[in-house]
Protein backbone atom coordinates (compact mmCIF):
# COMPACT_ATOMS: atom_id res chain seq x y z
CA UNK A 1 -33.02 -8.16 -5.18
CA UNK A 2 -32.41 -5.90 -1.97
CA UNK A 3 -33.15 -2.32 -1.08
CA UNK A 4 -29.58 -1.05 -2.37
CA UNK A 5 -30.41 -2.59 -5.62
CA UNK A 6 -33.77 -1.45 -6.27
CA UNK A 7 -32.54 2.31 -5.23
CA UNK A 8 -29.58 1.87 -7.72
CA UNK A 9 -31.75 0.29 -10.14
CA UNK A 10 -34.12 3.63 -10.73
CA UNK A 11 -30.89 5.77 -10.30
CA UNK A 12 -29.48 3.50 -13.60
CA UNK A 13 -32.86 4.49 -15.34
CA UNK A 14 -32.22 8.04 -14.85
CA UNK A 15 -28.61 7.64 -16.18
CA UNK A 16 -29.80 5.57 -19.06
CA UNK A 17 -32.62 7.77 -20.01
CA UNK A 18 -30.99 11.43 -19.83
CA UNK A 19 -27.51 10.33 -20.49
CA UNK A 20 -25.03 13.14 -19.98
CA UNK A 21 -27.42 15.74 -19.10
CA UNK A 22 -28.35 13.77 -16.27
CA UNK A 23 -25.15 12.99 -14.79
CA UNK A 24 -24.70 16.63 -14.59
CA UNK A 25 -28.26 17.41 -13.20
CA UNK A 26 -27.20 15.12 -10.49
CA UNK A 27 -23.80 16.80 -9.92
CA UNK A 28 -21.21 14.56 -11.15
CA UNK A 29 -18.72 15.15 -13.84
CA UNK A 30 -18.73 12.30 -15.93
CA UNK A 31 -20.39 8.71 -15.83
CA UNK A 32 -17.36 7.11 -14.29
CA UNK A 33 -17.86 9.72 -11.06
CA UNK A 34 -21.57 9.16 -11.28
CA UNK A 35 -21.21 5.08 -10.94
CA UNK A 36 -18.92 5.59 -8.25
CA UNK A 37 -20.68 8.08 -5.95
CA UNK A 38 -24.07 6.00 -6.41
CA UNK A 39 -22.51 2.95 -5.73
CA UNK A 40 -20.80 4.23 -2.69
CA UNK A 41 -23.76 6.01 -1.54
CA UNK A 42 -25.91 2.87 -1.65
CA UNK A 43 -23.09 0.20 -0.76
CA UNK A 44 -23.45 -1.38 -4.52
CA UNK A 45 -20.25 -1.85 -6.79
CA UNK A 46 -19.94 1.00 -9.50
CA UNK A 47 -19.74 -1.70 -11.90
CA UNK A 48 -23.56 -2.87 -11.21
CA UNK A 49 -24.55 0.62 -11.56
CA UNK A 50 -22.93 0.87 -15.05
CA UNK A 51 -24.65 -2.92 -16.15
CA UNK A 52 -27.85 -1.87 -14.72
CA UNK A 53 -27.75 1.41 -16.83
CA UNK A 54 -26.65 -0.67 -19.97
CA UNK A 55 -29.47 -2.87 -19.41
CA UNK A 56 -31.78 -0.02 -19.84
CA UNK A 57 -30.09 1.32 -23.05
CA UNK A 58 -32.01 -0.47 -25.57
CA UNK A 59 -35.16 1.17 -24.45
CA UNK A 60 -34.30 4.53 -23.06
CA UNK A 61 -30.80 5.89 -24.68
CA UNK A 62 -30.66 8.00 -27.69
CA UNK A 63 -26.78 7.18 -27.91
CA UNK A 64 -25.84 3.53 -26.85
CA UNK A 65 -27.50 0.40 -27.71
CA UNK A 66 -26.84 -1.27 -24.61
CA UNK A 67 -27.76 -4.89 -24.23
CA UNK A 68 -30.17 -5.10 -27.01
CA UNK A 69 -29.63 -8.61 -27.70
CA UNK A 70 -31.23 -9.68 -24.09
CA UNK A 71 -34.90 -9.84 -23.18
CA UNK A 72 -36.12 -7.24 -20.89
CA UNK A 73 -35.98 -7.92 -17.09
CA UNK A 74 -39.35 -7.90 -15.20
CA UNK A 75 -37.64 -5.17 -13.07
CA UNK A 76 -36.69 -2.76 -15.86
CA UNK A 77 -39.90 -2.99 -17.59
CA UNK A 78 -41.68 -2.10 -14.20
CA UNK A 79 -39.19 1.20 -13.75
CA UNK A 80 -39.91 2.31 -17.45
CA UNK A 81 -43.74 2.01 -17.31
CA UNK A 82 -43.48 3.60 -13.65
CA UNK A 83 -41.49 6.69 -14.71
CA UNK A 84 -41.32 7.13 -18.47
CA UNK A 85 -44.01 9.89 -18.42
CA UNK A 86 -41.94 11.90 -15.43
CA UNK A 87 -39.71 14.85 -16.57
CA UNK A 88 -35.84 15.03 -15.91
CA UNK A 89 -36.47 17.41 -12.80
CA UNK A 90 -38.98 14.82 -11.22
CA UNK A 91 -36.84 11.46 -11.75
CA UNK A 92 -33.75 13.33 -10.78
CA UNK A 93 -35.30 14.51 -7.81
CA UNK A 94 -36.62 10.88 -6.82
CA UNK A 95 -33.09 9.44 -7.48
CA UNK A 96 -31.73 12.07 -4.99
CA UNK A 97 -34.08 11.01 -2.50
CA UNK A 98 -33.30 7.86 -3.02
CA UNK A 99 -29.55 8.32 -2.28
CA UNK A 100 -30.10 9.44 0.98
CA UNK A 101 -30.04 6.57 3.86
CA UNK A 102 -33.37 7.75 5.24
CA UNK A 103 -36.04 9.24 3.36
CA UNK A 104 -40.07 8.92 3.86
CA UNK A 105 -40.99 8.21 -0.04
CA UNK A 106 -38.82 5.82 -0.46
CA UNK A 107 -41.26 3.10 -0.21
CA UNK A 108 -43.56 4.98 -2.80
CA UNK A 109 -40.81 5.06 -5.14
CA UNK A 110 -39.66 1.41 -5.08
CA UNK A 111 -43.49 0.36 -5.31
CA UNK A 112 -43.19 -0.15 -9.11
CA UNK A 113 -40.22 -2.89 -8.49
CA UNK A 114 -42.09 -4.40 -5.90
CA UNK A 115 -44.69 -5.30 -8.37
CA UNK A 116 -42.31 -7.93 -9.78
CA UNK A 117 -41.26 -11.13 -8.41
CA UNK A 118 -37.44 -10.65 -8.13
CA UNK A 119 -35.94 -13.20 -5.82
CA UNK A 120 -34.65 -14.94 -8.94
CA UNK A 121 -35.10 -12.41 -11.83
CA UNK A 122 -32.69 -13.59 -14.23
CA UNK A 123 -34.66 -16.64 -14.81
CA UNK A 124 -38.04 -14.77 -14.80
CA UNK A 125 -39.84 -14.81 -18.39
CA UNK A 126 -39.78 -11.31 -19.45
CA UNK A 127 -43.82 -11.84 -19.69
CA UNK A 128 -44.29 -12.50 -15.95
CA UNK A 129 -45.44 -8.91 -14.77
CA UNK A 130 -48.00 -6.68 -16.67
CA UNK A 131 -45.69 -3.74 -17.11
CA UNK A 132 -43.00 -6.24 -19.05
CA UNK A 133 -46.24 -7.58 -21.25
CA UNK A 134 -47.32 -4.04 -22.04
CA UNK A 135 -43.46 -3.30 -23.62
CA UNK A 136 -43.73 -6.43 -25.21
CA UNK A 137 -46.99 -5.65 -26.83
CA UNK A 138 -46.11 -2.08 -27.56
CA UNK A 139 -43.05 -3.31 -29.24
CA UNK A 140 -44.87 -5.30 -31.54
CA UNK A 141 -47.59 -2.91 -32.20
CA UNK A 142 -45.07 -0.37 -33.36
CA UNK A 143 -43.39 -2.88 -35.56
CA UNK A 144 -46.98 -3.56 -37.32
CA UNK A 145 -47.33 -0.05 -37.61
CA UNK A 146 -44.05 0.61 -39.41
CA UNK A 147 -44.53 -2.06 -42.00
CA UNK A 148 -48.19 -0.77 -42.56
CA UNK A 149 -47.56 2.83 -42.54
CA UNK A 150 -46.97 3.13 -46.21
CA UNK A 151 -50.43 1.76 -47.07
CA UNK A 152 -51.99 4.69 -44.96
CA UNK A 153 -53.00 7.36 -47.41
CA UNK A 154 -53.86 10.03 -44.93
CA UNK A 155 -49.90 10.08 -44.63
CA UNK A 156 -49.29 9.85 -48.41
CA UNK A 157 -46.15 12.14 -49.15
CA UNK A 158 -44.99 12.17 -45.50
CA UNK A 159 -41.65 10.84 -44.27
CA UNK A 160 -42.01 9.07 -41.20
CA UNK A 161 -39.43 10.09 -38.28
CA UNK A 162 -38.85 7.96 -35.02
CA UNK A 163 -39.61 9.84 -31.97
CA UNK A 164 -39.86 6.92 -29.47
CA UNK A 165 -36.75 7.90 -27.55
CA UNK A 166 -37.31 11.49 -27.08
CA UNK A 167 -40.21 11.37 -24.62
CA UNK A 168 -42.49 14.12 -26.37
CA UNK A 169 -45.67 12.35 -26.08
CA UNK A 170 -45.98 10.36 -29.08
CA UNK A 171 -43.72 7.58 -30.89
CA UNK A 172 -44.03 8.67 -34.61
CA UNK A 173 -44.04 11.88 -36.62
CA UNK A 174 -45.25 12.25 -40.44
CA UNK A 175 -43.45 14.95 -41.94
CA UNK A 176 -45.11 16.61 -44.86
CA UNK A 177 -43.28 19.29 -47.02
CA UNK A 178 -45.23 22.10 -44.58
CA UNK A 179 -46.68 20.43 -41.98
CA UNK A 180 -46.75 17.16 -39.40
CA UNK A 181 -48.92 15.04 -37.94
CA UNK A 182 -47.83 12.63 -35.22
CA UNK A 183 -48.76 9.28 -34.13
CA UNK A 184 -48.97 7.34 -30.90
CA UNK A 185 -49.04 3.51 -31.31
CA UNK A 186 -51.14 0.90 -29.03
CA UNK A 187 -51.61 -2.43 -29.06
CA UNK A 188 -53.84 -5.08 -28.31
CA UNK A 189 -53.40 -8.71 -28.37
CA UNK A 190 -57.25 -9.52 -28.55
CA UNK A 191 -59.89 -7.68 -30.64
CA UNK A 192 -60.83 -5.60 -27.90
CA UNK A 193 -59.07 -4.49 -24.59
CA UNK A 194 -57.70 -1.72 -22.12
CA UNK A 195 -55.14 0.84 -23.44
CA UNK A 196 -53.30 3.55 -21.76
CA UNK A 197 -52.31 7.05 -22.05
CA UNK A 198 -49.62 8.44 -20.05
CA UNK A 199 -50.61 11.99 -18.56
CA UNK A 200 -47.81 13.64 -21.30
CA UNK A 201 -49.37 11.68 -24.15
CA UNK A 202 -53.17 12.46 -23.27
CA UNK A 203 -51.67 16.09 -22.83
CA UNK A 204 -50.18 16.39 -26.12
CA UNK A 205 -52.90 14.93 -27.78
CA UNK A 206 -55.46 17.59 -26.22
CA UNK A 207 -52.66 20.45 -27.56
CA UNK A 208 -52.21 19.17 -31.22
CA UNK A 209 -55.89 18.15 -31.75
CA UNK A 210 -56.40 16.93 -35.31
CA UNK A 211 -52.76 16.80 -35.92
CA UNK A 212 -52.58 13.52 -33.36
CA UNK A 213 -53.36 10.10 -34.34
CA UNK A 214 -53.99 7.00 -32.31
CA UNK A 215 -52.66 4.11 -34.24
CA UNK A 216 -54.62 0.98 -32.38
CA UNK A 217 -53.27 -2.07 -33.28
CA UNK A 218 -56.17 -4.74 -32.40
CA UNK A 219 -55.72 -8.97 -32.61
CA UNK A 220 -52.07 -8.97 -32.17
CA UNK A 221 -52.25 -12.35 -31.34
CA UNK A 222 -54.04 -13.70 -34.34
CA UNK A 223 -54.57 -11.25 -37.35
CA UNK A 224 -53.22 -7.99 -36.56
CA UNK A 225 -55.74 -5.09 -37.98
CA UNK A 226 -54.74 -1.28 -37.55
CA UNK A 227 -57.64 1.32 -36.60
CA UNK A 228 -56.68 4.96 -36.89
CA UNK A 229 -58.43 7.32 -34.92
CA UNK A 230 -57.55 11.01 -35.47
CA UNK A 231 -57.65 13.49 -32.71
CA UNK A 232 -58.33 10.67 -29.84
CA UNK A 233 -58.99 13.36 -27.01
CA UNK A 234 -62.54 14.00 -29.09
CA UNK A 235 -63.02 10.27 -30.19
CA UNK A 236 -61.95 8.13 -27.20
CA UNK A 237 -63.73 7.93 -23.66
CA UNK A 238 -61.16 7.57 -20.93
CA UNK A 239 -61.18 7.52 -17.18
CA UNK A 240 -57.84 9.11 -15.37
CA UNK A 241 -56.43 6.66 -13.01
CA UNK A 242 -53.19 7.57 -10.92
CA UNK A 243 -50.61 5.02 -10.83
CA UNK A 244 -48.26 4.62 -7.47
CA UNK A 245 -48.36 8.08 -7.05
CA UNK A 246 -45.52 8.83 -9.59
CA UNK A 247 -47.30 8.82 -12.88
CA UNK A 248 -50.86 9.59 -14.03
CA UNK A 249 -52.15 7.39 -16.90
CA UNK A 250 -55.55 7.70 -19.02
CA UNK A 251 -57.02 4.77 -19.25
CA UNK A 252 -59.76 3.51 -21.95
CA UNK A 253 -61.55 0.43 -23.26
CA UNK A 254 -62.13 0.02 -27.23
């Protein structure tokens, strides 16, 4: 994957995640204009930029399904993992830098992509990088949680609302008649292991306190078991870790 295509991939992620609002924040009137302008700036075909956006849509877009039938590629998984916790304004600024021919920050912004082996990416298994594996593990844990949810008496009478594509710092909201609780789902392949909270997730957990739950699904590869942890900021010991200087995670070993 060329430098230009790497830059285009991050721009495409931004267009997928923030949709028409993101298009306007970059100064374009519509998607067609955005594809053409980004393609011209990076010497990449506009159709390539569009196809890249479509490949992010199943994981980022609230309005388009995109290429949901395809396995996520390592480069897409790495970009999502690196930028998911950043605001629209922050990612827009990064994209604008990437569209310049000379920018001192470009190598920093492209670092998440360089973690993957991208030479023959179409043939690379989705589990070839830690970030792709993390996304796959998270999806399996979330599916298990949705099936297990009716058994959780603490949420009896609460309708479950999917918040995963809204970027609000948690995955689900349990809506009671006069209140709500929120749930962030994490998964572990084994009985114990490391999990990460984004800076936003950890910040929201601190604000919501007892209304914030960590649903930890252990032993996904053998016999999945769900542990519900109320107010994880008070219950879970963490260490802060800066990741590639574009996001912050809070790591725990449980």
